[in-house]
Amino acid sequence: MNTSATGTRAWELYNTRIRDQVEAENKGRYIVIDVVSGDYEIGDDYLVPIENMHRRYLDAQLYTMRIGYPALGRIGRRVGPARE
């Protein structure tokens, strides 16, 4: 599966199966989804969940997201006061 297809599949899984179970209590945390099995893990950073998923699924095709945000992170600096 190429990167674009992996991302598309991950968002599909998140929106149809996962979002309602995790979003309210985990906003701002990271979710790592194996797009083959549909399994996922949540953490305060993304490194530990990635390592755990690779231990469970040797050939995992993982996609990482930040719960409640459209992107994993930001490049560059913030100008002005911080917003929630």
C-alpha atoms as a PDB file:
ATOM      1  CA  MET A   1       0.000   0.000   0.000  1.00  0.00           C
ATOM      2  CA  ASN A   2       1.490   3.368  -0.922  1.00  0.00           C
ATOM      3  CA  THR A   3       1.631   6.321   1.459  1.00  0.00           C
ATOM      4  CA  SER A   4      -1.399   8.047  -0.035  1.00  0.00           C
ATOM      5  CA  ALA A   5      -3.510   4.885   0.125  1.00  0.00           C
ATOM      6  CA  THR A   6      -2.334   4.237   3.691  1.00  0.00           C
ATOM      7  CA  GLY A   7      -3.423   7.707   4.784  1.00  0.00           C
ATOM      8  CA  THR A   8      -6.754   7.420   3.028  1.00  0.00           C
ATOM      9  CA  ARG A   9      -7.423   4.033   4.632  1.00  0.00           C
ATOM     10  CA  ALA A  10      -6.365   5.304   8.080  1.00  0.00           C
ATOM     11  CA  TRP A  11      -8.745   8.278   7.903  1.00  0.00           C
ATOM     12  CA  GLU A  12     -11.534   5.994   6.710  1.00  0.00           C
ATOM     13  CA  LEU A  13     -10.973   3.647   9.676  1.00  0.00           C
ATOM     14  CA  TYR A  14     -10.739   6.570  12.089  1.00  0.00           C
ATOM     15  CA  ASN A  15     -13.927   8.239  10.875  1.00  0.00           C
ATOM     16  CA  THR A  16     -16.051   5.088  10.628  1.00  0.00           C
ATOM     17  CA  ARG A  17     -14.838   2.870  13.489  1.00  0.00           C
ATOM     18  CA  ILE A  18     -12.573   4.689  15.918  1.00  0.00           C
ATOM     19  CA  ARG A  19     -13.434   8.392  16.333  1.00  0.00           C
ATOM     20  CA  ASP A  20     -16.569   7.968  18.461  1.00  0.00           C
ATOM     21  CA  GLN A  21     -14.721   5.673  20.884  1.00  0.00           C
ATOM     22  CA  VAL A  22     -11.636   7.825  21.468  1.00  0.00           C
ATOM     23  CA  GLU A  23     -11.965  11.484  20.565  1.00  0.00           C
ATOM     24  CA  ALA A  24     -13.811  12.941  23.569  1.00  0.00           C
ATOM     25  CA  GLU A  25     -11.318  11.672  26.152  1.00  0.00           C
ATOM     26  CA  ASN A  26      -8.099  11.849  24.124  1.00  0.00           C
ATOM     27  CA  LYS A  27      -8.030  15.190  22.275  1.00  0.00           C
ATOM     28  CA  GLY A  28      -4.454  16.228  21.622  1.00  0.00           C
ATOM     29  CA  ARG A  29      -3.010  12.740  22.148  1.00  0.00           C
ATOM     30  CA  TYR A  30      -1.596  10.627  19.336  1.00  0.00           C
ATOM     31  CA  ILE A  31      -3.175   7.598  17.707  1.00  0.00           C
ATOM     32  CA  VAL A  32      -1.282   5.066  15.626  1.00  0.00           C
ATOM     33  CA  ILE A  33      -3.470   2.946  13.347  1.00  0.00           C
ATOM     34  CA  ASP A  34      -2.470  -0.253  11.568  1.00  0.00           C
ATOM     35  CA  VAL A  35      -4.417   0.070   8.337  1.00  0.00           C
ATOM     36  CA  VAL A  36      -4.307  -3.680   7.669  1.00  0.00           C
ATOM     37  CA  SER A  37      -5.735  -4.963  10.967  1.00  0.00           C
ATOM     38  CA  GLY A  38      -7.637  -1.817  11.988  1.00  0.00           C
ATOM     39  CA  ASP A  39      -6.022  -2.046  15.424  1.00  0.00           C
ATOM     40  CA  TYR A  40      -4.781   1.135  17.057  1.00  0.00           C
ATOM     41  CA  GLU A  41      -2.923   2.450  20.071  1.00  0.00           C
ATOM     42  CA  ILE A  42      -3.052   5.866  21.735  1.00  0.00           C
ATOM     43  CA  GLY A  43      -0.266   7.680  23.580  1.00  0.00           C
ATOM     44  CA  ASP A  44       0.961  11.043  24.798  1.00  0.00           C
ATOM     45  CA  ASP A  45       3.665  10.882  22.136  1.00  0.00           C
ATOM     46  CA  TYR A  46       3.741   8.764  19.013  1.00  0.00           C
ATOM     47  CA  LEU A  47       6.971   6.814  19.491  1.00  0.00           C
ATOM     48  CA  VAL A  48       5.795   4.338  22.144  1.00  0.00           C
ATOM     49  CA  PRO A  49       2.553   3.462  20.316  1.00  0.00           C
ATOM     50  CA  ILE A  50       4.527   2.921  17.087  1.00  0.00           C
ATOM     51  CA  GLU A  51       6.962   0.589  18.855  1.00  0.00           C
ATOM     52  CA  ASN A  52       4.112  -1.321  20.510  1.00  0.00           C
ATOM     53  CA  MET A  53       2.250  -1.731  17.240  1.00  0.00           C
ATOM     54  CA  HIS A  54       5.381  -3.010  15.486  1.00  0.00           C
ATOM     55  CA  ARG A  55       5.814  -5.589  18.261  1.00  0.00           C
ATOM     56  CA  ARG A  56       2.253  -6.822  17.731  1.00  0.00           C
ATOM     57  CA  TYR A  57       2.266  -6.686  13.931  1.00  0.00           C
ATOM     58  CA  LEU A  58       5.678  -7.234  12.356  1.00  0.00           C
ATOM     59  CA  ASP A  59       4.528  -6.034   8.927  1.00  0.00           C
ATOM     60  CA  ALA A  60       2.295  -3.259  10.225  1.00  0.00           C
ATOM     61  CA  GLN A  61       1.371  -0.437   7.882  1.00  0.00           C
ATOM     62  CA  LEU A  62       1.046   2.381  10.363  1.00  0.00           C
ATOM     63  CA  TYR A  63      -0.404   5.848  10.143  1.00  0.00           C
ATOM     64  CA  THR A  64      -0.095   8.368  12.973  1.00  0.00           C
ATOM     65  CA  MET A  65      -2.596  11.149  13.712  1.00  0.00           C
ATOM     66  CA  ARG A  66      -3.174  13.685  16.460  1.00  0.00           C
ATOM     67  CA  ILE A  67      -6.649  13.188  17.874  1.00  0.00           C
ATOM     68  CA  GLY A  68      -8.918  16.171  17.316  1.00  0.00           C
ATOM     69  CA  TYR A  69      -6.483  17.980  14.991  1.00  0.00           C
ATOM     70  CA  PRO A  70      -6.161  17.960  11.197  1.00  0.00           C
ATOM     71  CA  ALA A  71      -2.371  17.487  11.281  1.00  0.00           C
ATOM     72  CA  LEU A  72       0.214  15.629  13.344  1.00  0.00           C
ATOM     73  CA  GLY A  73       2.178  18.771  14.119  1.00  0.00           C
ATOM     74  CA  ARG A  74       3.260  22.142  12.814  1.00  0.00           C
ATOM     75  CA  ILE A  75       6.335  23.347  10.969  1.00  0.00           C
ATOM     76  CA  GLY A  76       7.498  26.817  11.850  1.00  0.00           C
ATOM     77  CA  ARG A  77       6.793  29.134  14.706  1.00  0.00           C
ATOM     78  CA  ARG A  78       3.604  30.495  16.104  1.00  0.00           C
ATOM     79  CA  VAL A  79       3.040  34.232  15.850  1.00  0.00           C
ATOM     80  CA  GLY A  80       0.834  35.867  18.448  1.00  0.00           C
ATOM     81  CA  PRO A  81      -0.848  34.375  21.500  1.00  0.00           C
ATOM     82  CA  ALA A  82      -1.458  30.630  21.723  1.00  0.00           C
ATOM     83  CA  ARG A  83      -4.985  29.468  20.910  1.00  0.00           C
ATOM     84  CA  GLU A  84      -6.772  26.288  21.930  1.00  0.00           C
END
